[in-house]
Amino acid sequence: MDGEILSVDEVERLLSMISWDKPPSQPRFNFTVEDEEHPFVQLDKTVMRTLQTMHDRFARRFTAQISKMLQSVVDIRMTTVQQMYYNEFVFGFDSPSCFNLIEVELLTIIKDLSYGKANIILDISPVIAHPMIERILGGGREPTMTARRPLTNIEWKLTQRIIDEFLYELHVTWKDVANMKYTVAQQESNPQMIFIKHNEPVVVLCFEVMLTDRSGSMTLCVPVDLVRTLIEGE
């Protein structure tokens, strides 16, 4: 340094540049911003408790079926039920993942609403997806390194067996509320490749999956509007 002193104008210009340069850790979106099309409607605590109870039962049934499929003891427990915007949900995932867009067709008439459609998301963490695939193939008895790569085409097809079982048990869970048809519409390793409105209010249900020495998560994301239609009857 030569002891050169910046002028007032130069200092102000530098400060102006800094004020517009947001730190990398700041999220891209302000998740609390609402709009008229998708207002953030806080679900009643009773609705959240109902979801918790329904999917606790779901987890127990799914545990039994997956343990039978993999010929191994699997423990699946529901951990959290949260309400947020879709962008907050999707930006919490790393790539690669096992991200599935599922189209739900409502077959039950609710307040004159018939054959409505909605999209839900099912994510299976690769940390647990790869060991489950190994078990389907008859391996996975010995501890191995966790794979950090996208699923191959064959692995996606094997994972479909797990997804089908998940959706069947989801159908059983929801059938007393409404009859729905589930169709896997899109599967991606990169969650950003599935396009849903970022400001869509959603309910996120998280399940912890434990398989011998491995532990990972399965996450279900459901639009708030669908939950309110089915449970609140709105």
C-alpha atoms as a PDB file:
ATOM      1  CA  MET A   1       0.000   0.000   0.000  1.00  0.00           C
ATOM      2  CA  ASP A   2       1.281   3.472  -0.872  1.00  0.00           C
ATOM      3  CA  GLY A   3      -0.983   5.198   1.612  1.00  0.00           C
ATOM      4  CA  GLU A   4      -3.299   6.360  -1.180  1.00  0.00           C
ATOM      5  CA  ILE A   5      -6.635   7.647   0.152  1.00  0.00           C
ATOM      6  CA  LEU A   6      -9.843   7.002  -1.749  1.00  0.00           C
ATOM      7  CA  SER A   7     -12.131   9.916  -2.493  1.00  0.00           C
ATOM      8  CA  VAL A   8     -15.676  10.059  -1.073  1.00  0.00           C
ATOM      9  CA  ASP A   9     -17.125   9.307  -4.521  1.00  0.00           C
ATOM     10  CA  GLU A  10     -14.904   6.236  -4.891  1.00  0.00           C
ATOM     11  CA  VAL A  11     -15.895   4.929  -1.451  1.00  0.00           C
ATOM     12  CA  GLU A  12     -19.600   5.386  -2.192  1.00  0.00           C
ATOM     13  CA  ARG A  13     -19.180   3.631  -5.531  1.00  0.00           C
ATOM     14  CA  LEU A  14     -17.528   0.624  -3.865  1.00  0.00           C
ATOM     15  CA  LEU A  15     -20.213   0.451  -1.180  1.00  0.00           C
ATOM     16  CA  SER A  16     -22.892   0.554  -3.870  1.00  0.00           C
ATOM     17  CA  MET A  17     -21.278  -2.418  -5.619  1.00  0.00           C
ATOM     18  CA  ILE A  18     -21.081  -4.416  -2.368  1.00  0.00           C
ATOM     19  CA  SER A  19     -24.721  -3.802  -1.487  1.00  0.00           C
ATOM     20  CA  TRP A  20     -25.830  -5.539  -4.689  1.00  0.00           C
ATOM     21  CA  ASP A  21     -23.484  -8.490  -4.342  1.00  0.00           C
ATOM     22  CA  LYS A  22     -25.351 -11.013  -2.152  1.00  0.00           C
ATOM     23  CA  PRO A  23     -23.284 -13.682  -0.372  1.00  0.00           C
ATOM     24  CA  PRO A  24     -23.377 -17.166  -1.922  1.00  0.00           C
ATOM     25  CA  SER A  25     -25.055 -18.669   1.143  1.00  0.00           C
ATOM     26  CA  GLN A  26     -28.171 -16.549   0.702  1.00  0.00           C
ATOM     27  CA  PRO A  27     -31.067 -18.511  -0.835  1.00  0.00           C
ATOM     28  CA  ARG A  28     -32.130 -17.678  -4.369  1.00  0.00           C
ATOM     29  CA  PHE A  29     -35.740 -17.206  -3.348  1.00  0.00           C
ATOM     30  CA  ASN A  30     -37.494 -15.516  -0.473  1.00  0.00           C
ATOM     31  CA  PHE A  31     -39.672 -18.366   0.727  1.00  0.00           C
ATOM     32  CA  THR A  32     -41.910 -16.125   2.823  1.00  0.00           C
ATOM     33  CA  VAL A  33     -43.085 -14.037  -0.140  1.00  0.00           C
ATOM     34  CA  GLU A  34     -46.690 -14.785  -1.011  1.00  0.00           C
ATOM     35  CA  ASP A  35     -48.714 -14.025  -4.096  1.00  0.00           C
ATOM     36  CA  GLU A  36     -52.408 -13.797  -4.829  1.00  0.00           C
ATOM     37  CA  GLU A  37     -52.410 -17.034  -6.829  1.00  0.00           C
ATOM     38  CA  HIS A  38     -50.715 -19.166  -4.149  1.00  0.00           C
ATOM     39  CA  PRO A  39     -51.305 -17.627  -0.697  1.00  0.00           C
ATOM     40  CA  PHE A  40     -49.646 -19.486   2.165  1.00  0.00           C
ATOM     41  CA  VAL A  41     -52.598 -20.948   4.056  1.00  0.00           C
ATOM     42  CA  GLN A  42     -51.501 -22.479   7.345  1.00  0.00           C
ATOM     43  CA  LEU A  43     -53.162 -25.851   7.791  1.00  0.00           C
ATOM     44  CA  ASP A  44     -55.059 -26.452  10.995  1.00  0.00           C
ATOM     45  CA  LYS A  45     -53.188 -28.400  13.704  1.00  0.00           C
ATOM     46  CA  THR A  46     -55.902 -31.042  13.573  1.00  0.00           C
ATOM     47  CA  VAL A  47     -55.172 -31.612   9.878  1.00  0.00           C
ATOM     48  CA  MET A  48     -51.447 -31.959  10.566  1.00  0.00           C
ATOM     49  CA  ARG A  49     -52.138 -34.465  13.358  1.00  0.00           C
ATOM     50  CA  THR A  50     -54.439 -36.413  11.028  1.00  0.00           C
ATOM     51  CA  LEU A  51     -51.658 -36.585   8.428  1.00  0.00           C
ATOM     52  CA  GLN A  52     -49.215 -37.740  11.105  1.00  0.00           C
ATOM     53  CA  THR A  53     -51.536 -40.520  12.274  1.00  0.00           C
ATOM     54  CA  MET A  54     -52.401 -41.696   8.749  1.00  0.00           C
ATOM     55  CA  HIS A  55     -48.790 -41.912   7.647  1.00  0.00           C
ATOM     56  CA  ASP A  56     -47.556 -43.502  10.862  1.00  0.00           C
ATOM     57  CA  ARG A  57     -49.847 -46.405   9.916  1.00  0.00           C
ATOM     58  CA  PHE A  58     -48.595 -46.175   6.338  1.00  0.00           C
ATOM     59  CA  ALA A  59     -44.985 -46.495   7.541  1.00  0.00           C
ATOM     60  CA  ARG A  60     -45.753 -49.650   9.514  1.00  0.00           C
ATOM     61  CA  ARG A  61     -47.443 -51.355   6.551  1.00  0.00           C
ATOM     62  CA  PHE A  62     -44.750 -50.235   4.124  1.00  0.00           C
ATOM     63  CA  THR A  63     -42.072 -51.543   6.495  1.00  0.00           C
ATOM     64  CA  ALA A  64     -43.625 -55.022   6.446  1.00  0.00           C
ATOM     65  CA  GLN A  65     -43.908 -55.130   2.646  1.00  0.00           C
ATOM     66  CA  ILE A  66     -40.412 -53.802   1.935  1.00  0.00           C
ATOM     67  CA  SER A  67     -38.864 -56.178   4.495  1.00  0.00           C
ATOM     68  CA  LYS A  68     -40.557 -59.050   2.653  1.00  0.00           C
ATOM     69  CA  MET A  69     -39.422 -57.753  -0.757  1.00  0.00           C
ATOM     70  CA  LEU A  70     -35.788 -57.291   0.299  1.00  0.00           C
ATOM     71  CA  GLN A  71     -35.679 -60.406   2.496  1.00  0.00           C
ATOM     72  CA  SER A  72     -34.146 -58.264   5.214  1.00  0.00           C
ATOM     73  CA  VAL A  73     -35.231 -56.368   8.308  1.00  0.00           C
ATOM     74  CA  VAL A  74     -36.121 -52.801   7.328  1.00  0.00           C
ATOM     75  CA  ASP A  75     -37.325 -50.145   9.762  1.00  0.00           C
ATOM     76  CA  ILE A  76     -39.266 -47.211   8.316  1.00  0.00           C
ATOM     77  CA  ARG A  77     -40.512 -44.452  10.584  1.00  0.00           C
ATOM     78  CA  MET A  78     -42.210 -41.162   9.927  1.00  0.00           C
ATOM     79  CA  THR A  79     -40.093 -38.353  11.334  1.00  0.00           C
ATOM     80  CA  THR A  80     -41.639 -34.985  10.405  1.00  0.00           C
ATOM     81  CA  VAL A  81     -44.623 -33.292   8.774  1.00  0.00           C
ATOM     82  CA  GLN A  82     -43.866 -29.761   7.610  1.00  0.00           C
ATOM     83  CA  GLN A  83     -45.564 -27.082   5.573  1.00  0.00           C
ATOM     84  CA  MET A  84     -43.520 -24.909   3.186  1.00  0.00           C
ATOM     85  CA  TYR A  85     -43.262 -23.672  -0.408  1.00  0.00           C
ATOM     86  CA  TYR A  86     -42.160 -26.048  -3.157  1.00  0.00           C
ATOM     87  CA  ASN A  87     -38.974 -24.079  -3.858  1.00  0.00           C
ATOM     88  CA  GLU A  88     -37.904 -24.479  -0.245  1.00  0.00           C
ATOM     89  CA  PHE A  89     -38.506 -28.215  -0.545  1.00  0.00           C
ATOM     90  CA  VAL A  90     -36.709 -28.821  -3.849  1.00  0.00           C
ATOM     91  CA  PHE A  91     -33.620 -26.733  -3.106  1.00  0.00           C
ATOM     92  CA  GLY A  92     -32.944 -28.876  -0.053  1.00  0.00           C
ATOM     93  CA  PHE A  93     -31.943 -31.818  -2.266  1.00  0.00           C
ATOM     94  CA  ASP A  94     -28.575 -32.622  -3.758  1.00  0.00           C
ATOM     95  CA  SER A  95     -28.037 -34.113  -7.198  1.00  0.00           C
ATOM     96  CA  PRO A  96     -27.987 -36.989  -8.010  1.00  0.00           C
ATOM     97  CA  SER A  97     -31.129 -38.166  -6.292  1.00  0.00           C
ATOM     98  CA  CYS A  98     -34.060 -40.453  -7.064  1.00  0.00           C
ATOM     99  CA  PHE A  99     -36.754 -37.850  -7.725  1.00  0.00           C
ATOM    100  CA  ASN A 100     -40.180 -38.978  -8.953  1.00  0.00           C
ATOM    101  CA  LEU A 101     -43.070 -36.857 -10.212  1.00  0.00           C
ATOM    102  CA  ILE A 102     -46.332 -38.719  -9.628  1.00  0.00           C
ATOM    103  CA  GLU A 103     -49.632 -37.708 -11.151  1.00  0.00           C
ATOM    104  CA  VAL A 104     -52.588 -38.228  -8.838  1.00  0.00           C
ATOM    105  CA  GLU A 105     -56.024 -38.552 -10.376  1.00  0.00           C
ATOM    106  CA  LEU A 106     -58.906 -38.002  -7.993  1.00  0.00           C
ATOM    107  CA  LEU A 107     -61.669 -40.528  -8.775  1.00  0.00           C
ATOM    108  CA  THR A 108     -63.969 -39.630  -5.879  1.00  0.00           C
ATOM    109  CA  ILE A 109     -66.461 -36.787  -6.142  1.00  0.00           C
ATOM    110  CA  ILE A 110     -65.817 -34.277  -3.361  1.00  0.00           C
ATOM    111  CA  LYS A 111     -68.059 -31.224  -3.330  1.00  0.00           C
ATOM    112  CA  ASP A 112     -68.747 -31.519  -7.065  1.00  0.00           C
ATOM    113  CA  LEU A 113     -65.012 -31.963  -7.763  1.00  0.00           C
ATOM    114  CA  SER A 114     -64.615 -35.065  -9.923  1.00  0.00           C
ATOM    115  CA  TYR A 115     -61.600 -36.499 -11.739  1.00  0.00           C
ATOM    116  CA  GLY A 116     -59.337 -33.700 -10.596  1.00  0.00           C
ATOM    117  CA  LYS A 117     -55.563 -34.098 -10.981  1.00  0.00           C
ATOM    118  CA  ALA A 118     -52.581 -33.042  -8.910  1.00  0.00           C
ATOM    119  CA  ASN A 119     -48.842 -33.741  -8.828  1.00  0.00           C
ATOM    120  CA  ILE A 120     -46.983 -35.142  -5.839  1.00  0.00           C
ATOM    121  CA  ILE A 121     -43.263 -35.840  -5.422  1.00  0.00           C
ATOM    122  CA  LEU A 122     -41.549 -38.915  -4.007  1.00  0.00           C
ATOM    123  CA  ASP A 123     -37.812 -38.685  -3.374  1.00  0.00           C
ATOM    124  CA  ILE A 124     -35.687 -41.662  -2.344  1.00  0.00           C
ATOM    125  CA  SER A 125     -32.255 -40.768  -1.037  1.00  0.00           C
ATOM    126  CA  PRO A 126     -29.455 -42.488  -3.031  1.00  0.00           C
ATOM    127  CA  VAL A 127     -27.881 -43.361   0.332  1.00  0.00           C
ATOM    128  CA  ILE A 128     -30.674 -45.876   0.836  1.00  0.00           C
ATOM    129  CA  ALA A 129     -31.774 -46.449  -2.797  1.00  0.00           C
ATOM    130  CA  HIS A 130     -28.521 -48.181  -3.823  1.00  0.00           C
ATOM    131  CA  PRO A 131     -28.458 -50.645  -0.868  1.00  0.00           C
ATOM    132  CA  MET A 132     -32.127 -51.507  -1.505  1.00  0.00           C
ATOM    133  CA  ILE A 133     -31.369 -52.203  -5.159  1.00  0.00           C
ATOM    134  CA  GLU A 134     -28.459 -54.439  -4.110  1.00  0.00           C
ATOM    135  CA  ARG A 135     -30.835 -56.418  -1.886  1.00  0.00           C
ATOM    136  CA  ILE A 136     -33.342 -56.838  -4.728  1.00  0.00           C
ATOM    137  CA  LEU A 137     -30.492 -58.334  -6.773  1.00  0.00           C
ATOM    138  CA  GLY A 138     -29.618 -60.707  -3.939  1.00  0.00           C
ATOM    139  CA  GLY A 139     -26.510 -58.891  -2.721  1.00  0.00           C
ATOM    140  CA  GLY A 140     -25.861 -56.192  -0.195  1.00  0.00           C
ATOM    141  CA  ARG A 141     -25.137 -58.541   2.682  1.00  0.00           C
ATOM    142  CA  GLU A 142     -21.716 -57.015   3.318  1.00  0.00           C
ATOM    143  CA  PRO A 143     -21.087 -53.316   4.089  1.00  0.00           C
ATOM    144  CA  THR A 144     -20.028 -51.366   0.986  1.00  0.00           C
ATOM    145  CA  MET A 145     -19.196 -47.790   0.090  1.00  0.00           C
ATOM    146  CA  THR A 146     -22.225 -45.564  -0.472  1.00  0.00           C
ATOM    147  CA  ALA A 147     -22.655 -44.902  -4.208  1.00  0.00           C
ATOM    148  CA  ARG A 148     -22.702 -41.208  -5.174  1.00  0.00           C
ATOM    149  CA  ARG A 149     -23.853 -41.485  -8.772  1.00  0.00           C
ATOM    150  CA  PRO A 150     -27.090 -41.334 -10.765  1.00  0.00           C
ATOM    151  CA  LEU A 151     -29.097 -44.524 -11.129  1.00  0.00           C
ATOM    152  CA  THR A 152     -28.617 -46.496 -14.327  1.00  0.00           C
ATOM    153  CA  ASN A 153     -31.611 -47.392 -16.515  1.00  0.00           C
ATOM    154  CA  ILE A 154     -31.675 -50.892 -15.041  1.00  0.00           C
ATOM    155  CA  GLU A 155     -31.493 -49.500 -11.501  1.00  0.00           C
ATOM    156  CA  TRP A 156     -34.405 -47.155 -12.239  1.00  0.00           C
ATOM    157  CA  LYS A 157     -36.457 -50.177 -13.337  1.00  0.00           C
ATOM    158  CA  LEU A 158     -35.566 -52.027 -10.129  1.00  0.00           C
ATOM    159  CA  THR A 159     -36.390 -48.976  -8.043  1.00  0.00           C
ATOM    160  CA  GLN A 160     -39.828 -48.971  -9.676  1.00  0.00           C
ATOM    161  CA  ARG A 161     -40.688 -52.040  -7.603  1.00  0.00           C
ATOM    162  CA  ILE A 162     -40.091 -50.030  -4.424  1.00  0.00           C
ATOM    163  CA  ILE A 163     -42.032 -47.050  -5.786  1.00  0.00           C
ATOM    164  CA  ASP A 164     -44.965 -49.266  -6.805  1.00  0.00           C
ATOM    165  CA  GLU A 165     -45.129 -50.713  -3.293  1.00  0.00           C
ATOM    166  CA  PHE A 166     -44.960 -47.208  -1.812  1.00  0.00           C
ATOM    167  CA  LEU A 167     -47.836 -46.011  -4.016  1.00  0.00           C
ATOM    168  CA  TYR A 168     -49.923 -49.094  -3.273  1.00  0.00           C
ATOM    169  CA  GLU A 169     -49.613 -48.521   0.475  1.00  0.00           C
ATOM    170  CA  LEU A 170     -50.330 -44.823  -0.084  1.00  0.00           C
ATOM    171  CA  HIS A 171     -53.515 -45.838  -1.906  1.00  0.00           C
ATOM    172  CA  VAL A 172     -54.507 -48.020   1.057  1.00  0.00           C
ATOM    173  CA  THR A 173     -53.783 -45.149   3.443  1.00  0.00           C
ATOM    174  CA  TRP A 174     -55.914 -42.641   1.546  1.00  0.00           C
ATOM    175  CA  LYS A 175     -58.718 -44.895   0.279  1.00  0.00           C
ATOM    176  CA  ASP A 176     -61.035 -44.127   3.208  1.00  0.00           C
ATOM    177  CA  VAL A 177     -60.747 -40.428   2.342  1.00  0.00           C
ATOM    178  CA  ALA A 178     -60.809 -40.626  -1.455  1.00  0.00           C
ATOM    179  CA  ASN A 179     -60.183 -43.058  -4.289  1.00  0.00           C
ATOM    180  CA  MET A 180     -57.122 -41.970  -6.274  1.00  0.00           C
ATOM    181  CA  LYS A 181     -55.055 -43.332  -9.131  1.00  0.00           C
ATOM    182  CA  TYR A 182     -51.259 -42.853  -9.044  1.00  0.00           C
ATOM    183  CA  THR A 183     -49.082 -42.705 -12.166  1.00  0.00           C
ATOM    184  CA  VAL A 184     -45.313 -42.095 -12.266  1.00  0.00           C
ATOM    185  CA  ALA A 185     -45.081 -39.306 -14.848  1.00  0.00           C
ATOM    186  CA  GLN A 186     -41.378 -38.369 -14.686  1.00  0.00           C
ATOM    187  CA  GLN A 187     -38.197 -39.616 -13.011  1.00  0.00           C
ATOM    188  CA  GLU A 188     -35.045 -37.539 -12.666  1.00  0.00           C
ATOM    189  CA  SER A 189     -31.663 -37.733 -10.977  1.00  0.00           C
ATOM    190  CA  ASN A 190     -31.571 -33.926 -10.851  1.00  0.00           C
ATOM    191  CA  PRO A 191     -34.527 -32.529  -8.835  1.00  0.00           C
ATOM    192  CA  GLN A 192     -34.284 -29.227 -10.749  1.00  0.00           C
ATOM    193  CA  MET A 193     -35.437 -31.022 -13.907  1.00  0.00           C
ATOM    194  CA  ILE A 194     -38.944 -31.520 -12.538  1.00  0.00           C
ATOM    195  CA  PHE A 195     -40.861 -28.299 -13.021  1.00  0.00           C
ATOM    196  CA  ILE A 196     -43.506 -27.340 -10.484  1.00  0.00           C
ATOM    197  CA  LYS A 197     -44.404 -23.751  -9.606  1.00  0.00           C
ATOM    198  CA  HIS A 198     -41.863 -22.605  -7.047  1.00  0.00           C
ATOM    199  CA  ASN A 199     -44.460 -20.737  -5.014  1.00  0.00           C
ATOM    200  CA  GLU A 200     -46.755 -23.764  -4.653  1.00  0.00           C
ATOM    201  CA  PRO A 201     -47.585 -24.370  -0.941  1.00  0.00           C
ATOM    202  CA  VAL A 202     -46.880 -27.998  -0.047  1.00  0.00           C
ATOM    203  CA  VAL A 203     -46.863 -30.413   2.860  1.00  0.00           C
ATOM    204  CA  VAL A 204     -43.666 -32.461   3.207  1.00  0.00           C
ATOM    205  CA  LEU A 205     -43.725 -35.839   4.961  1.00  0.00           C
ATOM    206  CA  CYS A 206     -40.329 -37.326   5.798  1.00  0.00           C
ATOM    207  CA  PHE A 207     -39.630 -41.000   6.517  1.00  0.00           C
ATOM    208  CA  GLU A 208     -36.390 -42.453   7.875  1.00  0.00           C
ATOM    209  CA  VAL A 209     -35.420 -45.793   6.340  1.00  0.00           C
ATOM    210  CA  MET A 210     -32.984 -48.039   8.200  1.00  0.00           C
ATOM    211  CA  LEU A 211     -31.502 -51.089   6.483  1.00  0.00           C
ATOM    212  CA  THR A 212     -28.809 -52.936   8.488  1.00  0.00           C
ATOM    213  CA  ASP A 213     -25.857 -50.516   8.502  1.00  0.00           C
ATOM    214  CA  ARG A 214     -27.499 -47.901   6.260  1.00  0.00           C
ATOM    215  CA  SER A 215     -29.913 -45.103   6.997  1.00  0.00           C
ATOM    216  CA  GLY A 216     -31.532 -42.783   4.471  1.00  0.00           C
ATOM    217  CA  SER A 217     -34.747 -40.936   3.783  1.00  0.00           C
ATOM    218  CA  MET A 218     -37.861 -41.153   1.658  1.00  0.00           C
ATOM    219  CA  THR A 219     -39.752 -37.896   1.292  1.00  0.00           C
ATOM    220  CA  LEU A 220     -43.289 -37.287   0.083  1.00  0.00           C
ATOM    221  CA  CYS A 221     -44.340 -33.805  -1.074  1.00  0.00           C
ATOM    222  CA  VAL A 222     -48.093 -33.121  -1.419  1.00  0.00           C
ATOM    223  CA  PRO A 223     -49.760 -29.857  -2.523  1.00  0.00           C
ATOM    224  CA  VAL A 224     -51.613 -28.095   0.281  1.00  0.00           C
ATOM    225  CA  ASP A 225     -54.643 -27.677  -2.002  1.00  0.00           C
ATOM    226  CA  LEU A 226     -54.912 -31.469  -2.376  1.00  0.00           C
ATOM    227  CA  VAL A 227     -54.643 -31.988   1.396  1.00  0.00           C
ATOM    228  CA  ARG A 228     -57.328 -29.390   2.060  1.00  0.00           C
ATOM    229  CA  THR A 229     -59.616 -30.909  -0.574  1.00  0.00           C
ATOM    230  CA  LEU A 230     -59.284 -34.413   0.845  1.00  0.00           C
ATOM    231  CA  ILE A 231     -59.173 -33.781   4.592  1.00  0.00           C
ATOM    232  CA  GLU A 232     -60.932 -30.458   5.064  1.00  0.00           C
ATOM    233  CA  GLY A 233     -63.317 -31.041   2.159  1.00  0.00           C
ATOM    234  CA  GLU A 234     -62.610 -27.603   0.655  1.00  0.00           C
END
